[in-house]
Amino acid sequence: MRDLIERFQLVLLGVCAVTVFAGAIAIMVTMDANSAGQGGRYYVAVAAIAALGYLDTQIQKVLERRIPFSLSTTWQERRNSLVGFGLLIAAGAVLIGVAWKLTHGS
């Protein structure tokens, strides 16, 4: 039962992360020129990166719950942390790049 709940949490957090990413891009694309001129797209990108960082932290907490009293990290935990960090950096680069491209045109 505990594995089922943890798997549900991981799937739910993953769906939330995809929704935040897609929602941020949708907001940036549909933003009017007045808000975009004041840096609104960059604010949306930074807020989405912060939300994705929070979701990544929650995913790491769910994964670490499996080994509650571990004094050291296993290679799986280190790998999961590096993959999460890499995805966060990639998402940040894409979001800032989209904001830049939409603000400065082609």
Protein backbone atom coordinates (compact mmCIF):
# COMPACT_ATOMS: atom_id res chain seq x y z
CA MET A 1 0.00 0.00 0.00
CA ARG A 2 2.85 2.39 0.83
CA ASP A 3 4.46 1.80 -2.58
CA LEU A 4 1.16 2.58 -4.28
CA ILE A 5 0.83 5.87 -2.39
CA GLU A 6 4.44 6.86 -3.15
CA ARG A 7 3.96 6.02 -6.83
CA PHE A 8 0.75 8.10 -6.88
CA GLN A 9 2.61 11.02 -5.30
CA LEU A 10 5.42 10.79 -7.84
CA VAL A 11 3.01 10.64 -10.77
CA LEU A 12 0.97 13.55 -9.38
CA LEU A 13 4.10 15.67 -8.85
CA GLY A 14 5.29 14.82 -12.36
CA VAL A 15 1.96 15.85 -13.85
CA CYS A 16 2.12 19.09 -11.84
CA ALA A 17 5.62 19.80 -13.18
CA VAL A 18 4.53 19.28 -16.80
CA THR A 19 1.46 21.46 -16.18
CA VAL A 20 3.56 24.28 -14.71
CA PHE A 21 5.97 24.14 -17.65
CA ALA A 22 3.24 24.05 -20.31
CA GLY A 23 1.15 26.66 -18.47
CA ALA A 24 4.07 29.06 -18.28
CA ILE A 25 4.73 28.77 -22.01
CA ALA A 26 1.01 29.22 -22.75
CA ILE A 27 0.86 32.33 -20.57
CA MET A 28 3.97 33.80 -22.22
CA VAL A 29 2.63 33.15 -25.73
CA THR A 30 -0.78 34.70 -25.04
CA MET A 31 0.50 37.68 -23.03
CA ASP A 32 -0.48 41.08 -24.40
CA ALA A 33 2.16 43.53 -25.59
CA ASN A 34 1.71 45.92 -22.65
CA SER A 35 2.49 43.31 -19.99
CA ALA A 36 5.23 41.76 -22.08
CA GLY A 37 6.90 45.15 -22.52
CA GLN A 38 7.26 45.48 -18.77
CA GLY A 39 9.14 42.20 -18.47
CA GLY A 40 6.07 40.12 -17.73
CA ARG A 41 7.31 37.14 -19.71
CA TYR A 42 10.50 37.02 -17.66
CA TYR A 43 8.51 37.17 -14.43
CA VAL A 44 6.40 34.23 -15.61
CA ALA A 45 9.55 32.29 -16.52
CA VAL A 46 11.19 32.95 -13.14
CA ALA A 47 8.00 32.03 -11.26
CA ALA A 48 7.73 28.79 -13.25
CA ILE A 49 11.38 27.94 -12.52
CA ALA A 50 10.77 28.53 -8.81
CA ALA A 51 7.66 26.32 -8.90
CA LEU A 52 9.56 23.60 -10.75
CA GLY A 53 12.34 23.79 -8.17
CA TYR A 54 9.80 23.34 -5.40
CA LEU A 55 8.25 20.34 -7.16
CA ASP A 56 11.71 18.83 -7.68
CA THR A 57 12.37 19.19 -3.95
CA GLN A 58 9.12 17.41 -3.15
CA ILE A 59 9.97 14.59 -5.55
CA GLN A 60 13.36 14.17 -3.87
CA LYS A 61 11.67 14.02 -0.47
CA VAL A 62 9.33 11.26 -1.64
CA LEU A 63 12.27 9.31 -3.04
CA GLU A 64 14.33 9.77 0.15
CA ARG A 65 11.48 8.46 2.31
CA ARG A 66 12.28 4.97 1.12
CA ILE A 67 15.51 4.96 3.16
CA PRO A 68 14.56 6.90 6.32
CA PHE A 69 17.67 6.52 8.50
CA SER A 70 20.41 6.41 5.90
CA LEU A 71 23.61 8.22 6.86
CA SER A 72 24.97 8.32 3.34
CA THR A 73 23.43 8.67 -0.08
CA THR A 74 23.23 5.81 -2.51
CA TRP A 75 24.15 6.09 -6.16
CA GLN A 76 20.45 6.03 -7.07
CA GLU A 77 19.77 9.05 -4.87
CA ARG A 78 22.73 10.92 -6.36
CA ARG A 79 21.61 9.99 -9.87
CA ASN A 80 18.03 11.13 -9.17
CA SER A 81 19.32 14.41 -7.78
CA LEU A 82 21.52 15.03 -10.81
CA VAL A 83 18.74 14.15 -13.24
CA GLY A 84 16.32 16.45 -11.40
CA PHE A 85 18.85 19.28 -11.36
CA GLY A 86 19.64 18.79 -15.04
CA LEU A 87 15.97 18.85 -15.97
CA LEU A 88 15.48 22.01 -13.89
CA ILE A 89 18.38 23.73 -15.67
CA ALA A 90 17.06 22.62 -19.08
CA ALA A 91 13.53 23.81 -18.26
CA GLY A 92 14.92 27.13 -17.06
CA ALA A 93 16.93 27.57 -20.25
CA VAL A 94 13.88 26.79 -22.40
CA LEU A 95 11.61 29.13 -20.43
CA ILE A 96 14.07 32.03 -20.49
CA GLY A 97 14.78 31.34 -24.16
CA VAL A 98 11.07 31.43 -25.03
CA ALA A 99 10.64 34.66 -23.06
CA TRP A 100 13.63 36.18 -24.87
CA LYS A 101 12.46 35.05 -28.30
CA LEU A 102 8.90 36.31 -27.78
CA THR A 103 10.07 39.64 -26.35
CA HIS A 104 12.73 40.44 -28.94
CA GLY A 105 11.06 38.86 -31.96
CA SER A 106 12.81 36.90 -34.67
